[in-house]
């Protein structure tokens, strides 16, 4: 791995994503990368992580501050994403309650973001969980440990869905069809499409080599100088029976040789 002032130029290669820019408003949220098995205790939204009383308070918050845009049935509108049903799960499954909470806390209500109390935001998350059919429990949802509570469907953990903003780490390779990332880790959600920092790239070096291959789309400028390097790639995932692809938003060097 290279060190010194030249590292930034070589490791933080920005890439354009013309086909995916329209999705940024949906997926460019605060937060980092989240594995499908988030947290150490393995809790999920099916484990009773809020109380019925908390959800009742959250309904009052929602009706007052959220319902006008997201609608009473949480189906969403032109101005607001759905907070229930299939589209909600498409946006949030395999992520954590921490990411959802931060999104709501920082951006809502849309006309006065970040103006409610922390408890009000937690209560509103509890109501969203109740509305989506996730069961209540005996303890209220608190800000502590949200990053350890995974959002998943009734069928359990699943691969990150198509069109999610993801990050992978693998070996940059070129073939007749274009650029590929081979020996890659599984795709994990990220909420930041920008290039990883030096510290983030260094930490990614500890990830084990994977077995996946992703085709890379819209890689610009030409990354030929990084062929054979271990790279971190962010972008929008496109699931395809003929091979999954990533519409690249950023690419950075993790190591100057692929792991063996």
Protein backbone atom coordinates (compact mmCIF):
# COMPACT_ATOMS: atom_id res chain seq x y z
CA UNK A 1 0.00 0.00 0.00
CA UNK A 2 1.32 3.43 -0.88
CA UNK A 3 1.70 6.24 1.62
CA UNK A 4 2.54 9.92 1.44
CA UNK A 5 1.12 12.90 -0.39
CA UNK A 6 0.63 11.03 -3.67
CA UNK A 7 -1.85 8.69 -2.01
CA UNK A 8 -4.76 11.12 -2.16
CA UNK A 9 -4.44 11.61 -5.90
CA UNK A 10 -4.22 7.90 -6.60
CA UNK A 11 -6.68 6.59 -4.06
CA UNK A 12 -9.54 9.06 -4.29
CA UNK A 13 -10.64 8.90 -7.90
CA UNK A 14 -13.93 10.68 -8.46
CA UNK A 15 -16.29 9.25 -11.06
CA UNK A 16 -19.37 10.67 -12.77
CA UNK A 17 -22.80 9.00 -12.60
CA UNK A 18 -25.05 10.66 -15.18
CA UNK A 19 -27.63 7.87 -15.20
CA UNK A 20 -28.01 7.87 -11.45
CA UNK A 21 -28.02 11.53 -10.46
CA UNK A 22 -31.81 11.58 -10.25
CA UNK A 23 -31.71 9.01 -7.49
CA UNK A 24 -29.49 11.04 -5.21
CA UNK A 25 -32.44 12.82 -3.65
CA UNK A 26 -33.76 9.43 -2.57
CA UNK A 27 -30.60 7.80 -1.31
CA UNK A 28 -28.10 10.50 -0.39
CA UNK A 29 -28.80 10.40 3.32
CA UNK A 30 -26.50 10.85 6.26
CA UNK A 31 -24.71 7.84 7.62
CA UNK A 32 -22.12 5.34 6.51
CA UNK A 33 -22.00 1.78 5.23
CA UNK A 34 -24.17 -0.89 6.83
CA UNK A 35 -23.65 -4.63 6.63
CA UNK A 36 -26.68 -6.91 6.33
CA UNK A 37 -25.75 -8.24 9.76
CA UNK A 38 -25.65 -4.85 11.46
CA UNK A 39 -24.64 -4.73 15.07
CA UNK A 40 -23.38 -7.34 17.44
CA UNK A 41 -26.60 -8.40 19.13
CA UNK A 42 -28.43 -9.25 15.91
CA UNK A 43 -31.68 -7.50 16.86
CA UNK A 44 -34.17 -6.62 14.16
CA UNK A 45 -37.37 -4.62 13.94
CA UNK A 46 -39.23 -7.91 14.53
CA UNK A 47 -37.89 -8.15 18.08
CA UNK A 48 -40.23 -5.68 19.81
CA UNK A 49 -37.93 -2.65 19.95
CA UNK A 50 -40.59 -0.05 20.88
CA UNK A 51 -43.74 0.05 23.03
CA UNK A 52 -47.37 0.51 22.05
CA UNK A 53 -47.55 3.63 24.23
CA UNK A 54 -44.55 5.12 22.46
CA UNK A 55 -46.16 4.46 19.08
CA UNK A 56 -49.36 6.17 20.28
CA UNK A 57 -47.33 9.28 21.11
CA UNK A 58 -45.62 8.97 17.76
CA UNK A 59 -48.96 9.03 15.96
CA UNK A 60 -49.65 12.44 17.46
CA UNK A 61 -46.26 13.66 16.25
CA UNK A 62 -46.85 12.16 12.81
CA UNK A 63 -50.34 13.61 12.42
CA UNK A 64 -49.08 17.05 13.44
CA UNK A 65 -45.73 17.24 11.67
CA UNK A 66 -45.52 14.52 9.00
CA UNK A 67 -48.92 13.53 7.65
CA UNK A 68 -49.42 16.54 5.39
CA UNK A 69 -46.56 15.43 3.12
CA UNK A 70 -46.31 11.68 3.75
CA UNK A 71 -50.13 11.35 3.98
CA UNK A 72 -52.15 9.65 6.73
CA UNK A 73 -51.59 6.20 5.20
CA UNK A 74 -47.84 6.87 4.83
CA UNK A 75 -48.08 6.23 1.08
CA UNK A 76 -46.09 9.37 0.30
CA UNK A 77 -46.54 12.07 -2.29
CA UNK A 78 -44.61 13.94 -4.96
CA UNK A 79 -42.78 15.75 -2.16
CA UNK A 80 -42.22 12.85 0.24
CA UNK A 81 -41.16 9.21 0.05
CA UNK A 82 -43.48 6.47 1.34
CA UNK A 83 -42.98 5.43 4.95
CA UNK A 84 -44.89 2.17 4.67
CA UNK A 85 -45.27 -0.79 2.38
CA UNK A 86 -43.08 -2.23 -0.34
CA UNK A 87 -41.45 1.03 -1.38
CA UNK A 88 -40.49 1.80 2.20
CA UNK A 89 -38.87 -1.61 2.52
CA UNK A 90 -37.12 -1.14 -0.81
CA UNK A 91 -35.58 2.06 0.54
CA UNK A 92 -34.66 0.77 3.99
CA UNK A 93 -34.31 -3.00 4.29
CA UNK A 94 -30.83 -4.22 5.22
CA UNK A 95 -30.16 -0.86 6.87
CA UNK A 96 -30.47 0.15 10.52
CA UNK A 97 -32.90 2.17 12.60
CA UNK A 98 -30.04 4.57 13.30
CA UNK A 99 -29.95 5.62 9.65
CA UNK A 100 -33.73 6.03 9.52
CA UNK A 101 -33.75 8.01 12.76
CA UNK A 102 -30.96 10.34 11.58
CA UNK A 103 -32.76 10.91 8.28
CA UNK A 104 -36.00 11.85 10.03
CA UNK A 105 -34.27 13.92 12.73
CA UNK A 106 -32.14 15.94 10.30
CA UNK A 107 -34.66 16.52 7.50
CA UNK A 108 -38.11 16.55 9.07
CA UNK A 109 -40.48 18.32 9.25
CA UNK A 110 -39.57 19.53 5.77
CA UNK A 111 -40.45 23.16 6.52
CA UNK A 112 -38.71 23.18 9.93
CA UNK A 113 -36.14 20.36 10.01
CA UNK A 114 -34.44 19.31 13.24
CA UNK A 115 -36.82 21.37 15.39
CA UNK A 116 -38.53 18.59 17.37
CA UNK A 117 -37.20 16.96 20.50
CA UNK A 118 -35.18 13.75 20.32
CA UNK A 119 -38.02 11.92 22.06
CA UNK A 120 -40.52 13.17 19.48
CA UNK A 121 -38.38 11.81 16.66
CA UNK A 122 -37.98 8.47 18.44
CA UNK A 123 -41.74 8.30 19.02
CA UNK A 124 -42.39 8.96 15.34
CA UNK A 125 -40.05 6.11 14.38
CA UNK A 126 -41.97 3.87 16.78
CA UNK A 127 -45.23 4.80 15.06
CA UNK A 128 -43.72 4.07 11.63
CA UNK A 129 -42.67 0.64 12.88
CA UNK A 130 -46.15 -0.04 14.27
CA UNK A 131 -47.83 1.11 11.06
CA UNK A 132 -45.64 -1.30 9.08
CA UNK A 133 -46.69 -4.22 11.25
CA UNK A 134 -43.52 -4.65 13.29
CA UNK A 135 -44.52 -5.84 16.78
CA UNK A 136 -44.21 -3.74 19.95
CA UNK A 137 -42.26 -4.86 22.98
CA UNK A 138 -41.84 -3.97 26.64
CA UNK A 139 -39.09 -1.35 26.32
CA UNK A 140 -39.24 1.98 24.57
CA UNK A 141 -37.01 2.75 21.63
CA UNK A 142 -34.08 4.93 22.70
CA UNK A 143 -31.23 6.60 20.84
CA UNK A 144 -28.75 4.13 22.31
CA UNK A 145 -28.19 1.04 20.20
CA UNK A 146 -30.19 2.13 17.15
CA UNK A 147 -27.25 1.15 14.94
CA UNK A 148 -27.65 -2.43 16.22
CA UNK A 149 -31.29 -2.79 15.15
CA UNK A 150 -31.63 -4.01 11.59
CA UNK A 151 -34.55 -3.31 9.28
CA UNK A 152 -35.49 -6.48 7.45
CA UNK A 153 -38.53 -8.09 5.87
CA UNK A 154 -40.68 -10.83 7.32
CA UNK A 155 -38.65 -13.30 5.25
CA UNK A 156 -35.46 -12.36 7.10
CA UNK A 157 -32.14 -10.97 5.84
CA UNK A 158 -31.79 -10.51 2.10
CA UNK A 159 -29.42 -9.11 -0.47
CA UNK A 160 -29.44 -5.34 -0.88
CA UNK A 161 -32.08 -4.54 -3.53
CA UNK A 162 -31.50 -3.11 -6.97
CA UNK A 163 -31.00 0.67 -7.25
CA UNK A 164 -29.66 0.96 -3.70
CA UNK A 165 -26.55 3.06 -3.18
CA UNK A 166 -23.86 0.55 -2.16
CA UNK A 167 -20.17 0.07 -1.49
CA UNK A 168 -18.04 -2.93 -2.47
CA UNK A 169 -14.33 -3.74 -2.27
CA UNK A 170 -12.61 -5.88 -4.89
CA UNK A 171 -9.97 -6.20 -7.59
CA UNK A 172 -10.19 -3.79 -10.53
CA UNK A 173 -9.97 -5.77 -13.77
CA UNK A 174 -10.63 -5.00 -17.43
CA UNK A 175 -12.01 -7.38 -20.03
CA UNK A 176 -13.44 -6.98 -23.52
CA UNK A 177 -16.71 -5.72 -22.09
CA UNK A 178 -15.20 -3.02 -19.88
CA UNK A 179 -14.19 -2.63 -16.27
CA UNK A 180 -15.03 -5.23 -13.63
CA UNK A 181 -14.58 -5.60 -9.91
CA UNK A 182 -13.67 -9.22 -9.18
CA UNK A 183 -13.13 -11.10 -5.91
CA UNK A 184 -15.46 -8.51 -4.45
CA UNK A 185 -17.18 -8.29 -1.10
CA UNK A 186 -20.97 -8.40 -1.04
CA UNK A 187 -22.77 -5.13 -1.71
CA UNK A 188 -23.60 -3.19 1.45
CA UNK A 189 -25.66 -0.04 1.71
CA UNK A 190 -24.04 3.34 2.02
CA UNK A 191 -25.74 6.73 2.29
CA UNK A 192 -22.83 8.77 0.97
CA UNK A 193 -21.93 8.56 -2.76
CA UNK A 194 -18.77 10.66 -2.42
CA UNK A 195 -15.21 9.33 -2.39
CA UNK A 196 -14.12 7.58 0.79
CA UNK A 197 -11.68 9.37 3.07
CA UNK A 198 -8.16 8.10 3.66
CA UNK A 199 -9.17 6.70 7.05
CA UNK A 200 -12.17 4.94 5.53
CA UNK A 201 -10.06 3.42 2.78
CA UNK A 202 -7.52 2.20 5.31
CA UNK A 203 -10.23 0.52 7.38
CA UNK A 204 -11.62 -1.20 4.30
CA UNK A 205 -8.30 -3.00 3.87
CA UNK A 206 -9.28 -5.40 6.65
CA UNK A 207 -12.34 -6.69 4.79
CA UNK A 208 -11.87 -10.30 3.63
CA UNK A 209 -11.68 -11.00 -0.08
CA UNK A 210 -15.06 -11.90 -1.56
CA UNK A 211 -16.27 -14.07 -4.40
CA UNK A 212 -18.51 -11.68 -6.31
CA UNK A 213 -18.05 -9.91 -9.62
CA UNK A 214 -19.64 -6.58 -10.54
CA UNK A 215 -19.61 -4.85 -13.90
CA UNK A 216 -18.72 -1.17 -13.53
CA UNK A 217 -20.64 1.48 -15.46
CA UNK A 218 -19.70 5.11 -16.17
CA UNK A 219 -16.20 4.91 -14.71
CA UNK A 220 -14.60 8.26 -15.51
CA UNK A 221 -11.81 9.26 -15.76
CA UNK A 222 -10.23 6.09 -17.11
CA UNK A 223 -9.03 4.06 -14.10
CA UNK A 224 -6.40 2.12 -16.08
CA UNK A 225 -3.61 3.16 -13.68
CA UNK A 226 -5.44 1.21 -10.96
CA UNK A 227 -5.84 -2.06 -12.87
CA UNK A 228 -4.86 -4.89 -10.55
CA UNK A 229 -5.34 -2.75 -7.44
CA UNK A 230 -7.79 -3.48 -4.65
CA UNK A 231 -10.42 -0.77 -4.92
CA UNK A 232 -13.44 0.52 -3.01
CA UNK A 233 -16.34 1.32 -5.32
CA UNK A 234 -19.51 3.23 -4.47
CA UNK A 235 -22.48 3.54 -6.76
CA UNK A 236 -26.01 2.47 -7.59
CA UNK A 237 -26.50 -1.29 -7.71
CA UNK A 238 -28.25 -2.77 -10.72
CA UNK A 239 -29.32 -6.37 -10.22
CA UNK A 240 -29.22 -8.32 -13.48
CA UNK A 241 -29.59 -12.06 -14.19
CA UNK A 242 -26.65 -11.72 -16.56
CA UNK A 243 -24.44 -10.19 -13.90
CA UNK A 244 -24.88 -7.43 -11.33
CA UNK A 245 -23.53 -4.00 -12.19
CA UNK A 246 -22.72 -0.80 -10.33
CA UNK A 247 -23.27 2.67 -11.78
CA UNK A 248 -20.20 4.20 -10.19
CA UNK A 249 -20.21 7.38 -8.10
CA UNK A 250 -16.69 7.11 -6.65
CA UNK A 251 -13.72 4.80 -6.65
CA UNK A 252 -10.70 4.77 -4.35
CA UNK A 253 -7.64 2.60 -3.88
CA UNK A 254 -7.55 0.37 -0.82
CA UNK A 255 -4.26 -1.38 -1.71
CA UNK A 256 -1.87 -1.34 -4.65
CA UNK A 257 -2.23 -5.09 -5.11
CA UNK A 258 -5.23 -7.39 -5.03
CA UNK A 259 -5.51 -9.67 -2.03
CA UNK A 260 -4.63 -13.28 -2.74
